C-alpha cells in the first residue's frame, strides 16, 4: 500500500463572503502560499474539528440512520426462513 494517498475528490461550490472576510481570505492564501480553495478546506476542517456539539449531532445522525445489528439479524432470519 502506498503511503501517498490520492487527493480527495473536489466539487465546485459558490459562496458569498462579507467584504472584510473576503479580504482576509485572500491575504491568508497569499501569506501561506496556498490556493484560496485550500484555505477554505483547511478553515472548514478546523471549524468542524473544534465544534463538539456538531460532532455529537453528526454521530447521532449516523447512528440513527444505520440499522442496528439486531434489526439486521431479524431481517436476515426472515429472508432465510420466509415461511414465518
PDB file of N, CA and C in Angstrom:
ATOM      1  N   UNK A   1       0.847  -1.181   0.000  1.00  0.00           N
ATOM      2  CA  UNK A   1       0.000   0.000   0.000  1.00  0.00           C
ATOM      3  C   UNK A   1       0.894   1.247   0.000  1.00  0.00           C
ATOM      4  N   UNK A   2       0.584   2.153  -0.852  1.00  0.00           N
ATOM      5  CA  UNK A   2       1.358   3.383  -0.976  1.00  0.00           C
ATOM      6  C   UNK A   2       1.095   4.311   0.212  1.00  0.00           C
ATOM      7  N   UNK A   3       2.136   4.991   0.667  1.00  0.00           N
ATOM      8  CA  UNK A   3       1.931   5.956   1.750  1.00  0.00           C
ATOM      9  C   UNK A   3       1.408   7.288   1.218  1.00  0.00           C
ATOM     10  N   UNK A   4       1.506   7.482  -0.092  1.00  0.00           N
ATOM     11  CA  UNK A   4       0.973   8.693  -0.706  1.00  0.00           C
ATOM     12  C   UNK A   4      -0.463   8.413  -1.124  1.00  0.00           C
ATOM     13  N   UNK A   5      -1.365   9.196  -0.604  1.00  0.00           N
ATOM     14  CA  UNK A   5      -2.782   8.988  -0.886  1.00  0.00           C
ATOM     15  C   UNK A   5      -3.253   9.918  -1.992  1.00  0.00           C
ATOM     16  N   UNK A   6      -4.233   9.430  -2.741  1.00  0.00           N
ATOM     17  CA  UNK A   6      -4.836  10.269  -3.769  1.00  0.00           C
ATOM     18  C   UNK A   6      -5.569  11.415  -3.086  1.00  0.00           C
ATOM     19  N   UNK A   7      -5.560  12.586  -3.703  1.00  0.00           N
ATOM     20  CA  UNK A   7      -6.318  13.688  -3.111  1.00  0.00           C
ATOM     21  C   UNK A   7      -7.813  13.386  -3.154  1.00  0.00           C
ATOM     22  N   UNK A   8      -8.515  13.942  -2.215  1.00  0.00           N
ATOM     23  CA  UNK A   8      -9.971  13.768  -2.170  1.00  0.00           C
ATOM     24  C   UNK A   8     -10.606  14.392  -3.400  1.00  0.00           C
ATOM     25  N   UNK A   9     -11.733  13.848  -3.776  1.00  0.00           N
ATOM     26  CA  UNK A   9     -12.479  14.404  -4.903  1.00  0.00           C
ATOM     27  C   UNK A   9     -12.903  15.834  -4.541  1.00  0.00           C
ATOM     28  N   UNK A  10     -12.857  16.713  -5.496  1.00  0.00           N
ATOM     29  CA  UNK A  10     -13.281  18.088  -5.240  1.00  0.00           C
ATOM     30  C   UNK A  10     -14.591  18.361  -5.971  1.00  0.00           C
ATOM     31  N   UNK A  11     -15.352  19.262  -5.404  1.00  0.00           N
ATOM     32  CA  UNK A  11     -16.595  19.711  -6.023  1.00  0.00           C
ATOM     33  C   UNK A  11     -16.572  21.227  -6.054  1.00  0.00           C
ATOM     34  N   UNK A  12     -17.285  21.788  -6.986  1.00  0.00           N
ATOM     35  CA  UNK A  12     -17.352  23.242  -7.097  1.00  0.00           C
ATOM     36  C   UNK A  12     -18.579  23.735  -6.350  1.00  0.00           C
ATOM     37  N   UNK A  13     -18.376  24.717  -5.481  1.00  0.00           N
ATOM     38  CA  UNK A  13     -19.456  25.331  -4.722  1.00  0.00           C
ATOM     39  C   UNK A  13     -19.327  26.844  -4.874  1.00  0.00           C
ATOM     40  N   UNK A  14     -20.415  27.541  -4.735  1.00  0.00           N
ATOM     41  CA  UNK A  14     -20.373  29.000  -4.820  1.00  0.00           C
ATOM     42  C   UNK A  14     -20.845  29.579  -3.498  1.00  0.00           C
ATOM     43  N   UNK A  15     -20.061  30.524  -2.963  1.00  0.00           N
ATOM     44  CA  UNK A  15     -20.389  31.167  -1.700  1.00  0.00           C
ATOM     45  C   UNK A  15     -20.250  32.676  -1.844  1.00  0.00           C
ATOM     46  N   UNK A  16     -20.957  33.373  -1.019  1.00  0.00           N
ATOM     47  CA  UNK A  16     -20.836  34.829  -0.939  1.00  0.00           C
ATOM     48  C   UNK A  16     -20.208  35.152   0.404  1.00  0.00           C
ATOM     49  N   UNK A  17     -19.160  35.984   0.391  1.00  0.00           N
ATOM     50  CA  UNK A  17     -18.461  36.361   1.611  1.00  0.00           C
ATOM     51  C   UNK A  17     -18.648  37.842   1.876  1.00  0.00           C
ATOM     52  N   UNK A  18     -18.688  38.190   3.137  1.00  0.00           N
ATOM     53  CA  UNK A  18     -18.682  39.606   3.501  1.00  0.00           C
ATOM     54  C   UNK A  18     -17.319  40.177   3.114  1.00  0.00           C
ATOM     55  N   UNK A  19     -17.281  41.438   2.738  1.00  0.00           N
ATOM     56  CA  UNK A  19     -16.058  42.049   2.215  1.00  0.00           C
ATOM     57  C   UNK A  19     -14.863  41.912   3.163  1.00  0.00           C
ATOM     58  N   UNK A  20     -14.995  42.211   4.451  1.00  0.00           N
ATOM     59  CA  UNK A  20     -13.799  42.070   5.301  1.00  0.00           C
ATOM     60  C   UNK A  20     -13.288  40.624   5.346  1.00  0.00           C
ATOM     61  N   UNK A  21     -14.186  39.662   5.341  1.00  0.00           N
ATOM     62  CA  UNK A  21     -13.786  38.248   5.364  1.00  0.00           C
ATOM     63  C   UNK A  21     -13.120  37.880   4.043  1.00  0.00           C
ATOM     64  N   UNK A  22     -13.649  38.379   2.959  1.00  0.00           N
ATOM     65  CA  UNK A  22     -13.077  38.102   1.643  1.00  0.00           C
ATOM     66  C   UNK A  22     -11.639  38.609   1.548  1.00  0.00           C
ATOM     67  N   UNK A  23     -11.395  39.797   2.046  1.00  0.00           N
ATOM     68  CA  UNK A  23     -10.045  40.371   2.015  1.00  0.00           C
ATOM     69  C   UNK A  23      -9.099  39.558   2.892  1.00  0.00           C
ATOM     70  N   UNK A  24      -9.541  39.173   4.083  1.00  0.00           N
ATOM     71  CA  UNK A  24      -8.726  38.358   4.985  1.00  0.00           C
ATOM     72  C   UNK A  24      -8.440  37.001   4.355  1.00  0.00           C
ATOM     73  N   UNK A  25      -9.430  36.449   3.686  1.00  0.00           N
ATOM     74  CA  UNK A  25      -9.303  35.179   2.991  1.00  0.00           C
ATOM     75  C   UNK A  25      -8.199  35.251   1.938  1.00  0.00           C
ATOM     76  N   UNK A  26      -8.237  36.282   1.100  1.00  0.00           N
ATOM     77  CA  UNK A  26      -7.210  36.461   0.065  1.00  0.00           C
ATOM     78  C   UNK A  26      -5.828  36.647   0.691  1.00  0.00           C
ATOM     79  N   UNK A  27      -5.759  37.458   1.749  1.00  0.00           N
ATOM     80  CA  UNK A  27      -4.487  37.698   2.423  1.00  0.00           C
ATOM     81  C   UNK A  27      -3.928  36.408   3.028  1.00  0.00           C
ATOM     82  N   UNK A  28      -4.798  35.592   3.600  1.00  0.00           N
ATOM     83  CA  UNK A  28      -4.369  34.336   4.209  1.00  0.00           C
ATOM     84  C   UNK A  28      -3.764  33.398   3.166  1.00  0.00           C
ATOM     85  N   UNK A  29      -4.408  33.280   2.030  1.00  0.00           N
ATOM     86  CA  UNK A  29      -3.900  32.418   0.960  1.00  0.00           C
ATOM     87  C   UNK A  29      -2.533  32.910   0.487  1.00  0.00           C
ATOM     88  N   UNK A  30      -2.413  34.218   0.323  1.00  0.00           N
ATOM     89  CA  UNK A  30      -1.140  34.798  -0.121  1.00  0.00           C
ATOM     90  C   UNK A  30      -0.050  34.585   0.935  1.00  0.00           C
ATOM     91  N   UNK A  31      -0.381  34.797   2.200  1.00  0.00           N
ATOM     92  CA  UNK A  31       0.578  34.664   3.299  1.00  0.00           C
ATOM     93  C   UNK A  31       1.117  33.238   3.399  1.00  0.00           C
ATOM     94  N   UNK A  32       0.208  32.249   3.324  1.00  0.00           N
ATOM     95  CA  UNK A  32       0.610  30.858   3.472  1.00  0.00           C
ATOM     96  C   UNK A  32       1.225  30.328   2.178  1.00  0.00           C
ATOM     97  N   UNK A  33       0.832  30.907   1.052  1.00  0.00           N
ATOM     98  CA  UNK A  33       1.338  30.447  -0.235  1.00  0.00           C
ATOM     99  C   UNK A  33       0.580  29.241  -0.756  1.00  0.00           C
ATOM    100  N   UNK A  34      -0.725  29.216  -0.479  1.00  0.00           N
ATOM    101  CA  UNK A  34      -1.560  28.121  -0.968  1.00  0.00           C
ATOM    102  C   UNK A  34      -2.732  28.705  -1.741  1.00  0.00           C
ATOM    103  N   UNK A  35      -3.463  27.838  -2.406  1.00  0.00           N
ATOM    104  CA  UNK A  35      -4.600  28.310  -3.189  1.00  0.00           C
ATOM    105  C   UNK A  35      -5.748  28.714  -2.263  1.00  0.00           C
ATOM    106  N   UNK A  36      -6.576  29.635  -2.715  1.00  0.00           N
ATOM    107  CA  UNK A  36      -7.750  30.000  -1.927  1.00  0.00           C
ATOM    108  C   UNK A  36      -8.654  28.794  -1.633  1.00  0.00           C
ATOM    109  N   UNK A  37      -8.755  27.865  -2.574  1.00  0.00           N
ATOM    110  CA  UNK A  37      -9.558  26.666  -2.338  1.00  0.00           C
ATOM    111  C   UNK A  37      -9.043  25.893  -1.128  1.00  0.00           C
ATOM    112  N   UNK A  38      -7.724  25.812  -1.022  1.00  0.00           N
ATOM    113  CA  UNK A  38      -7.132  25.066   0.099  1.00  0.00           C
ATOM    114  C   UNK A  38      -7.358  25.799   1.423  1.00  0.00           C
ATOM    115  N   UNK A  39      -7.356  27.128   1.398  1.00  0.00           N
ATOM    116  CA  UNK A  39      -7.649  27.897   2.611  1.00  0.00           C
ATOM    117  C   UNK A  39      -9.047  27.546   3.117  1.00  0.00           C
ATOM    118  N   UNK A  40     -10.002  27.486   2.222  1.00  0.00           N
ATOM    119  CA  UNK A  40     -11.378  27.160   2.615  1.00  0.00           C
ATOM    120  C   UNK A  40     -11.443  25.753   3.204  1.00  0.00           C
ATOM    121  N   UNK A  41     -10.806  24.796   2.536  1.00  0.00           N
ATOM    122  CA  UNK A  41     -10.815  23.420   3.025  1.00  0.00           C
ATOM    123  C   UNK A  41     -10.220  23.337   4.425  1.00  0.00           C
ATOM    124  N   UNK A  42      -9.061  23.954   4.629  1.00  0.00           N
ATOM    125  CA  UNK A  42      -8.413  23.909   5.934  1.00  0.00           C
ATOM    126  C   UNK A  42      -9.247  24.611   7.005  1.00  0.00           C
ATOM    127  N   UNK A  43      -9.816  25.757   6.663  1.00  0.00           N
ATOM    128  CA  UNK A  43     -10.622  26.501   7.632  1.00  0.00           C
ATOM    129  C   UNK A  43     -11.859  25.711   8.044  1.00  0.00           C
ATOM    130  N   UNK A  44     -12.532  25.094   7.070  1.00  0.00           N
ATOM    131  CA  UNK A  44     -13.725  24.314   7.396  1.00  0.00           C
ATOM    132  C   UNK A  44     -13.376  23.063   8.201  1.00  0.00           C
ATOM    133  N   UNK A  45     -12.288  22.399   7.833  1.00  0.00           N
ATOM    134  CA  UNK A  45     -11.858  21.246   8.634  1.00  0.00           C
ATOM    135  C   UNK A  45     -11.627  21.655  10.081  1.00  0.00           C
ATOM    136  N   UNK A  46     -10.986  22.795  10.292  1.00  0.00           N
ATOM    137  CA  UNK A  46     -10.703  23.279  11.643  1.00  0.00           C
ATOM    138  C   UNK A  46     -11.996  23.570  12.394  1.00  0.00           C
ATOM    139  N   UNK A  47     -12.926  24.237  11.748  1.00  0.00           N
ATOM    140  CA  UNK A  47     -14.202  24.562  12.393  1.00  0.00           C
ATOM    141  C   UNK A  47     -14.946  23.289  12.766  1.00  0.00           C
ATOM    142  N   UNK A  48     -15.026  22.339  11.843  1.00  0.00           N
ATOM    143  CA  UNK A  48     -15.733  21.089  12.120  1.00  0.00           C
ATOM    144  C   UNK A  48     -15.043  20.303  13.231  1.00  0.00           C
ATOM    145  N   UNK A  49     -13.717  20.329  13.267  1.00  0.00           N
ATOM    146  CA  UNK A  49     -12.945  19.618  14.278  1.00  0.00           C
ATOM    147  C   UNK A  49     -13.174  20.228  15.672  1.00  0.00           C
ATOM    148  N   UNK A  50     -13.291  21.540  15.740  1.00  0.00           N
ATOM    149  CA  UNK A  50     -13.458  22.229  17.027  1.00  0.00           C
ATOM    150  C   UNK A  50     -14.889  22.215  17.555  1.00  0.00           C
ATOM    151  N   UNK A  51     -15.855  22.038  16.693  1.00  0.00           N
ATOM    152  CA  UNK A  51     -17.265  22.145  17.080  1.00  0.00           C
ATOM    153  C   UNK A  51     -17.760  20.824  17.686  1.00  0.00           C
ATOM    154  N   UNK A  52     -17.656  20.709  19.008  1.00  0.00           N
ATOM    155  CA  UNK A  52     -18.019  19.465  19.684  1.00  0.00           C
ATOM    156  C   UNK A  52     -19.514  19.165  19.589  1.00  0.00           C
ATOM    157  N   UNK A  53     -20.345  20.195  19.633  1.00  0.00           N
ATOM    158  CA  UNK A  53     -21.786  19.983  19.505  1.00  0.00           C
ATOM    159  C   UNK A  53     -22.125  19.405  18.132  1.00  0.00           C
ATOM    160  N   UNK A  54     -21.481  19.929  17.097  1.00  0.00           N
ATOM    161  CA  UNK A  54     -21.722  19.415  15.752  1.00  0.00           C
ATOM    162  C   UNK A  54     -21.257  17.965  15.633  1.00  0.00           C
ATOM    163  N   UNK A  55     -20.082  17.654  16.197  1.00  0.00           N
ATOM    164  CA  UNK A  55     -19.585  16.277  16.162  1.00  0.00           C
ATOM    165  C   UNK A  55     -20.580  15.323  16.825  1.00  0.00           C
ATOM    166  N   UNK A  56     -21.097  15.729  17.972  1.00  0.00           N
ATOM    167  CA  UNK A  56     -22.057  14.911  18.708  1.00  0.00           C
ATOM    168  C   UNK A  56     -23.319  14.699  17.868  1.00  0.00           C
ATOM    169  N   UNK A  57     -23.822  15.766  17.294  1.00  0.00           N
ATOM    170  CA  UNK A  57     -25.021  15.683  16.461  1.00  0.00           C
ATOM    171  C   UNK A  57     -24.779  14.794  15.253  1.00  0.00           C
ATOM    172  N   UNK A  58     -23.626  14.951  14.607  1.00  0.00           N
ATOM    173  CA  UNK A  58     -23.299  14.165  13.421  1.00  0.00           C
ATOM    174  C   UNK A  58     -23.223  12.673  13.773  1.00  0.00           C
ATOM    175  N   UNK A  59     -22.636  12.361  14.925  1.00  0.00           N
ATOM    176  CA  UNK A  59     -22.554  10.965  15.369  1.00  0.00           C
ATOM    177  C   UNK A  59     -23.955  10.400  15.597  1.00  0.00           C
ATOM    178  N   UNK A  60     -24.829  11.189  16.225  1.00  0.00           N
ATOM    179  CA  UNK A  60     -26.209  10.752  16.452  1.00  0.00           C
ATOM    180  C   UNK A  60     -26.922  10.495  15.126  1.00  0.00           C
ATOM    181  N   UNK A  61     -26.671  11.340  14.138  1.00  0.00           N
ATOM    182  CA  UNK A  61     -27.303  11.171  12.832  1.00  0.00           C
ATOM    183  C   UNK A  61     -26.853   9.875  12.173  1.00  0.00           C
ATOM    184  N   UNK A  62     -25.564   9.579  12.271  1.00  0.00           N
ATOM    185  CA  UNK A  62     -25.045   8.340  11.697  1.00  0.00           C
ATOM    186  C   UNK A  62     -25.643   7.127  12.397  1.00  0.00           C
ATOM    187  N   UNK A  63     -25.741   7.193  13.722  1.00  0.00           N
ATOM    188  CA  UNK A  63     -26.256   6.062  14.484  1.00  0.00           C
ATOM    189  C   UNK A  63     -27.735   5.811  14.202  1.00  0.00           C
ATOM    190  N   UNK A  64     -28.519   6.862  14.034  1.00  0.00           N
ATOM    191  CA  UNK A  64     -29.939   6.680  13.786  1.00  0.00           C
ATOM    192  C   UNK A  64     -30.227   6.286  12.342  1.00  0.00           C
ATOM    193  N   UNK A  65     -29.302   6.575  11.434  1.00  0.00           N
ATOM    194  CA  UNK A  65     -29.540   6.225  10.030  1.00  0.00           C
ATOM    195  C   UNK A  65     -29.090   4.807   9.697  1.00  0.00           C
ATOM    196  N   UNK A  66     -28.324   4.175  10.589  1.00  0.00           N
ATOM    197  CA  UNK A  66     -27.859   2.812  10.351  1.00  0.00           C
ATOM    198  C   UNK A  66     -28.712   1.844  11.157  1.00  0.00           C
ATOM    199  N   UNK A  67     -29.186   0.765  10.526  1.00  0.00           N
ATOM    200  CA  UNK A  67     -29.955  -0.214  11.288  1.00  0.00           C
ATOM    201  C   UNK A  67     -29.074  -0.898  12.328  1.00  0.00           C
ATOM    202  N   UNK A  68     -29.668  -1.238  13.445  1.00  0.00           N
ATOM    203  CA  UNK A  68     -28.907  -1.920  14.486  1.00  0.00           C
ATOM    204  C   UNK A  68     -28.621  -3.342  14.060  1.00  0.00           C
ATOM    205  N   UNK A  69     -27.676  -3.969  14.719  1.00  0.00           N
ATOM    206  CA  UNK A  69     -27.311  -5.334  14.367  1.00  0.00           C
ATOM    207  C   UNK A  69     -28.498  -6.273  14.584  1.00  0.00           C
ATOM    208  N   UNK A  70     -29.262  -6.082  15.671  1.00  0.00           N
ATOM    209  CA  UNK A  70     -30.395  -6.974  15.925  1.00  0.00           C
ATOM    210  C   UNK A  70     -31.443  -6.834  14.821  1.00  0.00           C
ATOM    211  N   UNK A  71     -31.646  -5.626  14.305  1.00  0.00           N
ATOM    212  CA  UNK A  71     -32.571  -5.425  13.193  1.00  0.00           C
ATOM    213  C   UNK A  71     -32.068  -6.149  11.958  1.00  0.00           C
ATOM    214  N   UNK A  72     -30.766  -6.050  11.694  1.00  0.00           N
ATOM    215  CA  UNK A  72     -30.194  -6.736  10.542  1.00  0.00           C
ATOM    216  C   UNK A  72     -30.359  -8.239  10.678  1.00  0.00           C
ATOM    217  N   UNK A  73     -30.154  -8.775  11.881  1.00  0.00           N
ATOM    218  CA  UNK A  73     -30.287 -10.217  12.085  1.00  0.00           C
ATOM    219  C   UNK A  73     -31.728 -10.666  11.888  1.00  0.00           C
ATOM    220  N   UNK A  74     -32.687  -9.881  12.362  1.00  0.00           N
ATOM    221  CA  UNK A  74     -34.095 -10.220  12.172  1.00  0.00           C
ATOM    222  C   UNK A  74     -34.440 -10.253  10.686  1.00  0.00           C
ATOM    223  N   UNK A  75     -33.955  -9.283   9.950  1.00  0.00           N
ATOM    224  CA  UNK A  75     -34.216  -9.234   8.509  1.00  0.00           C
ATOM    225  C   UNK A  75     -33.606 -10.449   7.832  1.00  0.00           C
ATOM    226  N   UNK A  76     -32.373 -10.786   8.181  1.00  0.00           N
ATOM    227  CA  UNK A  76     -31.723 -11.950   7.595  1.00  0.00           C
ATOM    228  C   UNK A  76     -32.473 -13.227   7.953  1.00  0.00           C
ATOM    229  N   UNK A  77     -32.963 -13.327   9.178  1.00  0.00           N
ATOM    230  CA  UNK A  77     -33.694 -14.516   9.605  1.00  0.00           C
ATOM    231  C   UNK A  77     -34.994 -14.658   8.806  1.00  0.00           C
ATOM    232  N   UNK A  78     -35.689 -13.570   8.604  1.00  0.00           N
ATOM    233  CA  UNK A  78     -36.939 -13.598   7.840  1.00  0.00           C
ATOM    234  C   UNK A  78     -36.656 -13.994   6.393  1.00  0.00           C
ATOM    235  N   UNK A  79     -35.573 -13.469   5.820  1.00  0.00           N
ATOM    236  CA  UNK A  79     -35.238 -13.817   4.445  1.00  0.00           C
ATOM    237  C   UNK A  79     -34.865 -15.293   4.341  1.00  0.00           C
ATOM    238  N   UNK A  80     -34.097 -15.780   5.335  1.00  0.00           N
ATOM    239  CA  UNK A  80     -33.653 -17.172   5.317  1.00  0.00           C
ATOM    240  C   UNK A  80     -34.812 -18.142   5.571  1.00  0.00           C
ATOM    241  N   UNK A  81     -35.822 -17.722   6.328  1.00  0.00           N
ATOM    242  CA  UNK A  81     -36.961 -18.575   6.691  1.00  0.00           C
ATOM    243  C   UNK A  81     -38.256 -17.834   6.369  1.00  0.00           C
ATOM    244  N   UNK A  82     -38.602 -17.684   5.079  1.00  0.00           N
ATOM    245  CA  UNK A  82     -39.734 -16.837   4.686  1.00  0.00           C
ATOM    246  C   UNK A  82     -41.108 -17.406   5.052  1.00  0.00           C
ATOM    247  N   UNK A  83     -41.178 -18.619   5.546  1.00  0.00           N
ATOM    248  CA  UNK A  83     -42.477 -19.236   5.842  1.00  0.00           C
ATOM    249  C   UNK A  83     -43.102 -18.665   7.108  1.00  0.00           C
ATOM    250  N   UNK A  84     -42.368 -18.036   7.947  1.00  0.00           N
ATOM    251  CA  UNK A  84     -42.881 -17.477   9.208  1.00  0.00           C
ATOM    252  C   UNK A  84     -44.070 -16.650   9.030  1.00  0.00           C
TER     253      UNK A  84
END
